[in-house]
C-alpha atoms as a PDB file:
ATOM      1  CA  MET A   1     -40.494-111.604 111.717  1.00  0.00           C
ATOM      2  CA  GLU A   2     -38.408-114.543 112.815  1.00  0.00           C
ATOM      3  CA  LYS A   3     -36.600-114.090 116.078  1.00  0.00           C
ATOM      4  CA  ARG A   4     -32.946-113.419 115.514  1.00  0.00           C
ATOM      5  CA  LEU A   5     -29.871-113.418 117.716  1.00  0.00           C
ATOM      6  CA  ASN A   6     -29.455-110.804 120.413  1.00  0.00           C
ATOM      7  CA  VAL A   7     -26.348-108.909 119.292  1.00  0.00           C
ATOM      8  CA  HIS A   8     -25.983-107.215 122.668  1.00  0.00           C
ATOM      9  CA  GLN A   9     -25.670-110.634 124.356  1.00  0.00           C
ATOM     10  CA  LYS A  10     -23.928-112.765 121.706  1.00  0.00           C
ATOM     11  CA  GLY A  11     -21.655-109.956 120.405  1.00  0.00           C
ATOM     12  CA  GLN A  12     -20.495-108.394 123.646  1.00  0.00           C
ATOM     13  CA  VAL A  13     -16.890-108.273 122.619  1.00  0.00           C
ATOM     14  CA  ALA A  14     -17.665-106.632 119.307  1.00  0.00           C
ATOM     15  CA  MET A  15     -20.209-104.298 120.870  1.00  0.00           C
ATOM     16  CA  LYS A  16     -17.568-102.861 123.244  1.00  0.00           C
ATOM     17  CA  ALA A  17     -16.208-100.854 120.383  1.00  0.00           C
ATOM     18  CA  ILE A  18     -19.435 -99.057 119.671  1.00  0.00           C
ATOM     19  CA  TYR A  19     -20.118 -98.658 123.442  1.00  0.00           C
ATOM     20  CA  GLY A  20     -16.770 -96.801 123.534  1.00  0.00           C
ATOM     21  CA  LEU A  21     -18.169 -94.226 121.143  1.00  0.00           C
ATOM     22  CA  ALA A  22     -21.222 -93.772 123.384  1.00  0.00           C
ATOM     23  CA  ILE A  23     -18.926 -93.178 126.362  1.00  0.00           C
ATOM     24  CA  TYR A  24     -16.920 -90.683 124.409  1.00  0.00           C
ATOM     25  CA  LEU A  25     -20.093 -88.811 123.249  1.00  0.00           C
ATOM     26  CA  ALA A  26     -21.454 -88.671 126.838  1.00  0.00           C
ATOM     27  CA  LYS A  27     -18.562 -86.248 127.523  1.00  0.00           C
ATOM     28  CA  SER A  28     -19.172 -84.094 124.451  1.00  0.00           C
ATOM     29  CA  PRO A  29     -19.876 -80.381 124.901  1.00  0.00           C
ATOM     30  CA  ILE A  30     -22.807 -80.713 122.466  1.00  0.00           C
ATOM     31  CA  GLU A  31     -26.167 -80.474 124.168  1.00  0.00           C
ATOM     32  CA  LYS A  32     -27.594 -83.887 124.985  1.00  0.00           C
ATOM     33  CA  SER A  33     -30.934 -82.795 123.675  1.00  0.00           C
ATOM     34  CA  LEU A  34     -29.417 -81.979 120.319  1.00  0.00           C
ATOM     35  CA  LEU A  35     -27.584 -85.327 120.190  1.00  0.00           C
ATOM     36  CA  HIS A  36     -30.945 -87.124 120.935  1.00  0.00           C
ATOM     37  CA  LEU A  37     -32.683 -85.041 118.253  1.00  0.00           C
ATOM     38  CA  ILE A  38     -30.036 -86.059 115.675  1.00  0.00           C
ATOM     39  CA  GLU A  39     -30.313 -89.731 116.756  1.00  0.00           C
ATOM     40  CA  PHE A  40     -34.096 -89.543 116.297  1.00  0.00           C
ATOM     41  CA  ARG A  41     -33.827 -87.943 112.859  1.00  0.00           C
ATOM     42  CA  VAL A  42     -31.204 -90.405 111.599  1.00  0.00           C
ATOM     43  CA  SER A  43     -33.324 -93.278 112.909  1.00  0.00           C
ATOM     44  CA  GLN A  44     -36.302 -91.847 110.960  1.00  0.00           C
ATOM     45  CA  ILE A  45     -34.221 -91.895 107.735  1.00  0.00           C
ATOM     46  CA  ASN A  46     -32.964 -95.426 108.389  1.00  0.00           C
ATOM     47  CA  GLY A  47     -36.325 -96.818 109.491  1.00  0.00           C
ATOM     48  CA  CYS A  48     -35.066 -98.252 112.765  1.00  0.00           C
ATOM     49  CA  ALA A  49     -38.190 -98.828 114.845  1.00  0.00           C
ATOM     50  CA  PHE A  50     -36.277 -99.725 118.057  1.00  0.00           C
ATOM     51  CA  CYS A  51     -34.164 -96.558 117.918  1.00  0.00           C
ATOM     52  CA  LEU A  52     -37.233 -94.421 117.088  1.00  0.00           C
ATOM     53  CA  ASP A  53     -39.063 -95.828 120.117  1.00  0.00           C
ATOM     54  CA  MET A  54     -35.974 -95.271 122.318  1.00  0.00           C
ATOM     55  CA  HIS A  55     -35.043 -91.775 121.258  1.00  0.00           C
ATOM     56  CA  SER A  56     -38.623 -90.478 121.171  1.00  0.00           C
ATOM     57  CA  LYS A  57     -39.065 -91.687 124.788  1.00  0.00           C
ATOM     58  CA  ASP A  58     -35.705 -90.225 125.881  1.00  0.00           C
ATOM     59  CA  LEU A  59     -36.527 -86.928 124.205  1.00  0.00           C
ATOM     60  CA  ARG A  60     -39.967 -86.670 125.774  1.00  0.00           C
ATOM     61  CA  ALA A  61     -38.473 -87.587 129.219  1.00  0.00           C
ATOM     62  CA  GLU A  62     -36.088 -84.665 128.781  1.00  0.00           C
ATOM     63  CA  GLY A  63     -38.869 -82.281 128.061  1.00  0.00           C
ATOM     64  CA  GLU A  64     -38.943 -82.259 124.205  1.00  0.00           C
ATOM     65  CA  SER A  65     -42.311 -81.171 122.805  1.00  0.00           C
ATOM     66  CA  GLU A  66     -44.623 -83.503 120.866  1.00  0.00           C
ATOM     67  CA  GLN A  67     -44.886 -80.960 118.137  1.00  0.00           C
ATOM     68  CA  ARG A  68     -41.178 -80.865 117.424  1.00  0.00           C
ATOM     69  CA  LEU A  69     -41.018 -84.617 117.381  1.00  0.00           C
ATOM     70  CA  TYR A  70     -43.994 -84.940 115.028  1.00  0.00           C
ATOM     71  CA  LEU A  71     -42.610 -82.417 112.603  1.00  0.00           C
ATOM     72  CA  LEU A  72     -38.935 -83.456 112.724  1.00  0.00           C
ATOM     73  CA  SER A  73     -39.073 -85.170 109.324  1.00  0.00           C
ATOM     74  CA  ALA A  74     -40.239 -81.807 107.905  1.00  0.00           C
ATOM     75  CA  TRP A  75     -37.870 -79.629 109.882  1.00  0.00           C
ATOM     76  CA  ARG A  76     -36.951 -77.450 106.898  1.00  0.00           C
ATOM     77  CA  GLU A  77     -40.589 -76.291 106.517  1.00  0.00           C
ATOM     78  CA  THR A  78     -41.241 -75.463 110.197  1.00  0.00           C
ATOM     79  CA  PRO A  79     -40.233 -72.614 112.508  1.00  0.00           C
ATOM     80  CA  PHE A  80     -39.630 -74.925 115.490  1.00  0.00           C
ATOM     81  CA  TYR A  81     -35.854 -75.559 115.274  1.00  0.00           C
ATOM     82  CA  THR A  82     -32.944 -73.188 115.972  1.00  0.00           C
ATOM     83  CA  GLU A  83     -30.310 -72.381 113.417  1.00  0.00           C
ATOM     84  CA  ARG A  84     -27.839 -74.606 115.266  1.00  0.00           C
ATOM     85  CA  GLU A  85     -30.347 -77.500 115.222  1.00  0.00           C
ATOM     86  CA  ARG A  86     -30.981 -76.934 111.514  1.00  0.00           C
ATOM     87  CA  ALA A  87     -27.273 -76.993 110.788  1.00  0.00           C
ATOM     88  CA  ALA A  88     -26.913 -80.245 112.759  1.00  0.00           C
ATOM     89  CA  LEU A  89     -29.968 -81.837 111.077  1.00  0.00           C
ATOM     90  CA  ALA A  90     -28.657 -80.946 107.621  1.00  0.00           C
ATOM     91  CA  TRP A  91     -25.203 -82.359 108.497  1.00  0.00           C
ATOM     92  CA  ALA A  92     -26.809 -85.553 109.884  1.00  0.00           C
ATOM     93  CA  GLU A  93     -28.906 -86.077 106.811  1.00  0.00           C
ATOM     94  CA  ALA A  94     -25.958 -85.551 104.500  1.00  0.00           C
ATOM     95  CA  LEU A  95     -23.819 -88.063 106.340  1.00  0.00           C
ATOM     96  CA  THR A  96     -26.663 -90.599 106.577  1.00  0.00           C
ATOM     97  CA  LYS A  97     -27.807 -90.347 102.937  1.00  0.00           C
ATOM     98  CA  VAL A  98     -24.294 -91.079 101.569  1.00  0.00           C
ATOM     99  CA  ALA A  99     -25.596 -92.413  98.289  1.00  0.00           C
ATOM    100  CA  GLU A 100     -26.635 -88.854  97.410  1.00  0.00           C
ATOM    101  CA  GLY A 101     -23.030 -87.771  97.156  1.00  0.00           C
ATOM    102  CA  PRO A 102     -20.367 -86.046  99.227  1.00  0.00           C
ATOM    103  CA  VAL A 103     -21.019 -83.340 101.782  1.00  0.00           C
ATOM    104  CA  SER A 104     -20.903 -80.007  99.916  1.00  0.00           C
ATOM    105  CA  ASP A 105     -18.556 -77.200 100.898  1.00  0.00           C
ATOM    106  CA  GLU A 106     -21.657 -74.989 101.504  1.00  0.00           C
ATOM    107  CA  LEU A 107     -23.058 -77.455 104.006  1.00  0.00           C
ATOM    108  CA  TYR A 108     -19.656 -77.726 105.707  1.00  0.00           C
ATOM    109  CA  GLN A 109     -19.400 -73.940 105.988  1.00  0.00           C
ATOM    110  CA  GLN A 110     -22.948 -73.762 107.371  1.00  0.00           C
ATOM    111  CA  ALA A 111     -22.196 -76.365 110.038  1.00  0.00           C
ATOM    112  CA  SER A 112     -18.918 -74.606 110.828  1.00  0.00           C
ATOM    113  CA  LYS A 113     -20.788 -71.386 111.666  1.00  0.00           C
ATOM    114  CA  HIS A 114     -22.651 -73.150 114.444  1.00  0.00           C
ATOM    115  CA  PHE A 115     -20.164 -75.683 115.767  1.00  0.00           C
ATOM    116  CA  SER A 116     -16.526 -75.445 116.844  1.00  0.00           C
ATOM    117  CA  GLU A 117     -14.094 -77.841 115.222  1.00  0.00           C
ATOM    118  CA  GLN A 118     -14.317 -80.212 118.186  1.00  0.00           C
ATOM    119  CA  GLU A 119     -18.114 -80.015 118.238  1.00  0.00           C
ATOM    120  CA  LEU A 120     -18.253 -80.779 114.488  1.00  0.00           C
ATOM    121  CA  ILE A 121     -16.043 -83.851 115.077  1.00  0.00           C
ATOM    122  CA  ASP A 122     -18.328 -84.955 117.959  1.00  0.00           C
ATOM    123  CA  LEU A 123     -21.458 -84.310 115.940  1.00  0.00           C
ATOM    124  CA  THR A 124     -19.988 -86.461 113.120  1.00  0.00           C
ATOM    125  CA  MET A 125     -19.101 -89.234 115.585  1.00  0.00           C
ATOM    126  CA  ALA A 126     -22.670 -89.103 116.959  1.00  0.00           C
ATOM    127  CA  ILE A 127     -24.093 -89.536 113.422  1.00  0.00           C
ATOM    128  CA  ILE A 128     -21.678 -92.397 112.663  1.00  0.00           C
ATOM    129  CA  THR A 129     -22.673 -94.036 115.975  1.00  0.00           C
ATOM    130  CA  ILE A 130     -26.392 -93.865 115.523  1.00  0.00           C
ATOM    131  CA  ASN A 131     -26.132 -95.070 111.919  1.00  0.00           C
ATOM    132  CA  SER A 132     -24.196 -98.075 113.302  1.00  0.00           C
ATOM    133  CA  TYR A 133     -26.826 -98.752 115.962  1.00  0.00           C
ATOM    134  CA  ASN A 134     -29.558 -98.450 113.374  1.00  0.00           C
ATOM    135  CA  ARG A 135     -27.922-101.013 111.117  1.00  0.00           C
ATOM    136  CA  LEU A 136     -27.371-103.415 114.029  1.00  0.00           C
ATOM    137  CA  ASN A 137     -31.036-103.091 115.068  1.00  0.00           C
ATOM    138  CA  ILE A 138     -32.207-103.592 111.469  1.00  0.00           C
ATOM    139  CA  ALA A 139     -30.012-106.669 111.111  1.00  0.00           C
ATOM    140  CA  PHE A 140     -30.873-108.101 114.553  1.00  0.00           C
ATOM    141  CA  PRO A 141     -34.194-106.492 115.575  1.00  0.00           C
ATOM    142  CA  ALA A 142     -34.909-105.951 119.271  1.00  0.00           C
ATOM    143  CA  GLN A 143     -38.465-105.994 120.620  1.00  0.00           C
ATOM    144  CA  VAL A 144     -39.982-102.603 119.906  1.00  0.00           C
ATOM    145  CA  GLY A 145     -41.988-100.811 122.562  1.00  0.00           C
ATOM    146  CA  THR A 146     -40.280-102.197 125.635  1.00  0.00           C
ATOM    147  CA  TYR A 147     -37.689 -99.462 126.102  1.00  0.00           C
ATOM    148  CA  GLN A 148     -37.853 -97.365 129.241  1.00  0.00           C
ATOM    149  CA  PRO A 149     -36.479 -93.763 129.182  1.00  0.00           C
ATOM    150  CA  GLY A 150     -32.880 -93.585 130.320  1.00  0.00           C
ATOM    151  CA  ALA A 151     -32.292 -97.313 130.176  1.00  0.00           C
ATOM    152  CA  TYR A 152     -29.142 -96.986 128.089  1.00  0.00           C
ATOM    153  CA  LYS A 153     -27.873 -93.782 129.645  1.00  0.00           C
ATOM    154  CA  VAL A 154     -24.129 -93.792 129.778  1.00  0.00           C
ATOM    155  CA  GLN A 155     -22.565 -93.098 133.199  1.00  0.00           C
ATOM    156  CA  VAL A 156     -19.707 -90.618 132.805  1.00  0.00           C
ATOM    157  CA  SER A 157     -16.976 -90.999 135.337  1.00  0.00           C
END
């Protein structure tokens, strides 16, 4: 693939908006491991190689098992995810696969059983954010394989 512009360098002013979402989400009450799991699953759906590399490394560095990572794309058929994780994964898939139609009332009710109103807002913002990063990395690919765990960790003040 032809080398393209580095959006993180050339688009610094524009990128500040999306960085603001990352700063907001770093303060979310939702477990960081769950947010990373959602970021990994959405990146699988979108085919973002850089984000898959990054989130798999961050998840492993935080103690996530290989088995759960390998089977994430088939999470519905495995016993390895909690009900809260399943609700989050279903919500993430519905918001990522928007061409399949609106989020059903049933899915909303299921997610609401496992997440407070604020957590559901934060989960939705996390899904919007990773979808945005995926699209940026697909448009302007970064070199895959060079990411080091924690390199983009947001410092919360």
